Amino acid sequence: MEKETIYDERISPLMAQVIAICKDAGIACFATFDISTEDDPGFFCTTCLPDGDGKFPDAIKDCEHRLYRPNPMAVFTVTKSQ
């Protein structure tokens, strides 16, 4: 069975329960599932919820940042003419 089908049929209903509980209790949440395929190697399903005050804890912001906004890389070449 494909990962996406398994996610849709078995994980998503459980996540709906977890999301509802977290929202009711004001619990911040970050959950991500890698359901990549050959055709879509970067296919993730992610839930990111704020706490009861609408704020995201730093650890959750860091997870989101690392997963979806990789650090840019800069390359420099220094040459010296004589």
C-alpha atoms as a PDB file:
ATOM      1  CA  MET A   1       0.000   0.000   0.000  1.00  0.00           C
ATOM      2  CA  GLU A   2       1.292   3.473  -0.849  1.00  0.00           C
ATOM      3  CA  LYS A   3       2.358   5.815   1.939  1.00  0.00           C
ATOM      4  CA  GLU A   4      -0.211   8.456   0.961  1.00  0.00           C
ATOM      5  CA  THR A   5      -3.038   5.916   1.107  1.00  0.00           C
ATOM      6  CA  ILE A   6      -1.875   4.680   4.504  1.00  0.00           C
ATOM      7  CA  TYR A   7      -1.682   8.267   5.743  1.00  0.00           C
ATOM      8  CA  ASP A   8      -5.147   9.114   4.394  1.00  0.00           C
ATOM      9  CA  GLU A   9      -6.844   5.990   5.695  1.00  0.00           C
ATOM     10  CA  ARG A  10      -5.101   5.311   8.989  1.00  0.00           C
ATOM     11  CA  ILE A  11      -3.089   8.295  10.237  1.00  0.00           C
ATOM     12  CA  SER A  12      -5.249  11.237   9.181  1.00  0.00           C
ATOM     13  CA  PRO A  13      -8.278  10.173  11.277  1.00  0.00           C
ATOM     14  CA  LEU A  14      -6.017   9.854  14.324  1.00  0.00           C
ATOM     15  CA  MET A  15      -4.403  13.228  13.611  1.00  0.00           C
ATOM     16  CA  ALA A  16      -7.860  14.821  13.398  1.00  0.00           C
ATOM     17  CA  GLN A  17      -8.456  13.611  16.968  1.00  0.00           C
ATOM     18  CA  VAL A  18      -5.047  14.842  18.148  1.00  0.00           C
ATOM     19  CA  ILE A  19      -5.584  18.231  16.483  1.00  0.00           C
ATOM     20  CA  ALA A  20      -9.005  18.642  18.109  1.00  0.00           C
ATOM     21  CA  ILE A  21      -7.600  17.769  21.546  1.00  0.00           C
ATOM     22  CA  CYS A  22      -4.667  20.148  21.121  1.00  0.00           C
ATOM     23  CA  LYS A  23      -6.935  23.001  20.012  1.00  0.00           C
ATOM     24  CA  ASP A  24      -9.353  22.413  22.907  1.00  0.00           C
ATOM     25  CA  ALA A  25      -6.515  22.304  25.453  1.00  0.00           C
ATOM     26  CA  GLY A  26      -4.376  25.061  23.922  1.00  0.00           C
ATOM     27  CA  ILE A  27      -1.473  22.689  23.361  1.00  0.00           C
ATOM     28  CA  ALA A  28       1.040  23.740  20.725  1.00  0.00           C
ATOM     29  CA  CYS A  29       1.850  20.968  18.283  1.00  0.00           C
ATOM     30  CA  PHE A  30       4.202  20.207  15.428  1.00  0.00           C
ATOM     31  CA  ALA A  31       3.834  16.903  13.609  1.00  0.00           C
ATOM     32  CA  THR A  32       5.160  16.020  10.188  1.00  0.00           C
ATOM     33  CA  PHE A  33       4.947  12.868   8.139  1.00  0.00           C
ATOM     34  CA  ASP A  34       7.196  12.022   5.201  1.00  0.00           C
ATOM     35  CA  ILE A  35       4.967  10.370   2.640  1.00  0.00           C
ATOM     36  CA  SER A  36       7.353  10.880  -0.250  1.00  0.00           C
ATOM     37  CA  THR A  37       7.096   8.862  -3.422  1.00  0.00           C
ATOM     38  CA  GLU A  38       9.340   8.430  -6.446  1.00  0.00           C
ATOM     39  CA  ASP A  39       7.233  11.000  -8.282  1.00  0.00           C
ATOM     40  CA  ASP A  40       7.171  13.463  -5.364  1.00  0.00           C
ATOM     41  CA  PRO A  41      10.300  12.998  -3.204  1.00  0.00           C
ATOM     42  CA  GLY A  42       9.521  15.973  -0.949  1.00  0.00           C
ATOM     43  CA  PHE A  43       5.914  15.122  -0.084  1.00  0.00           C
ATOM     44  CA  PHE A  44       5.227  15.865   3.577  1.00  0.00           C
ATOM     45  CA  CYS A  45       2.036  16.298   5.561  1.00  0.00           C
ATOM     46  CA  THR A  46       2.583  18.715   8.437  1.00  0.00           C
ATOM     47  CA  THR A  47       0.429  20.115  11.210  1.00  0.00           C
ATOM     48  CA  CYS A  48       1.636  23.119  13.161  1.00  0.00           C
ATOM     49  CA  LEU A  49      -0.646  24.520  15.861  1.00  0.00           C
ATOM     50  CA  PRO A  50      -0.132  27.462  18.223  1.00  0.00           C
ATOM     51  CA  ASP A  51      -0.720  27.310  21.960  1.00  0.00           C
ATOM     52  CA  GLY A  52      -3.882  28.631  23.628  1.00  0.00           C
ATOM     53  CA  ASP A  53      -2.596  32.213  23.343  1.00  0.00           C
ATOM     54  CA  GLY A  54      -2.010  31.881  19.599  1.00  0.00           C
ATOM     55  CA  LYS A  55       1.770  31.729  20.025  1.00  0.00           C
ATOM     56  CA  PHE A  56       4.250  29.214  18.695  1.00  0.00           C
ATOM     57  CA  PRO A  57       6.978  28.129  21.133  1.00  0.00           C
ATOM     58  CA  ASP A  58      10.527  28.653  19.884  1.00  0.00           C
ATOM     59  CA  ALA A  59      11.110  24.905  19.538  1.00  0.00           C
ATOM     60  CA  ILE A  60       8.125  24.579  17.204  1.00  0.00           C
ATOM     61  CA  LYS A  61       9.211  27.621  15.186  1.00  0.00           C
ATOM     62  CA  ASP A  62      12.654  26.025  14.898  1.00  0.00           C
ATOM     63  CA  CYS A  63      11.168  22.738  13.623  1.00  0.00           C
ATOM     64  CA  GLU A  64       9.112  24.551  11.014  1.00  0.00           C
ATOM     65  CA  HIS A  65      12.076  26.636   9.962  1.00  0.00           C
ATOM     66  CA  ARG A  66      14.412  23.656   9.630  1.00  0.00           C
ATOM     67  CA  LEU A  67      11.893  21.622   7.660  1.00  0.00           C
ATOM     68  CA  TYR A  68      10.593  24.251   5.278  1.00  0.00           C
ATOM     69  CA  ARG A  69      13.194  27.014   5.141  1.00  0.00           C
ATOM     70  CA  PRO A  70      16.659  25.530   4.942  1.00  0.00           C
ATOM     71  CA  ASN A  71      19.497  27.923   5.617  1.00  0.00           C
ATOM     72  CA  PRO A  72      20.698  29.629   2.477  1.00  0.00           C
ATOM     73  CA  MET A  73      24.254  28.960   1.519  1.00  0.00           C
ATOM     74  CA  ALA A  74      26.665  31.558   0.245  1.00  0.00           C
ATOM     75  CA  VAL A  75      29.847  30.738  -1.607  1.00  0.00           C
ATOM     76  CA  PHE A  76      32.649  33.213  -2.082  1.00  0.00           C
ATOM     77  CA  THR A  77      35.839  32.970  -4.077  1.00  0.00           C
ATOM     78  CA  VAL A  78      38.673  35.221  -2.979  1.00  0.00           C
ATOM     79  CA  THR A  79      41.399  35.846  -5.458  1.00  0.00           C
ATOM     80  CA  LYS A  80      44.485  37.958  -5.057  1.00  0.00           C
ATOM     81  CA  SER A  81      46.087  39.642  -8.024  1.00  0.00           C
ATOM     82  CA  GLN A  82      49.727  40.526  -7.863  1.00  0.00           C
END
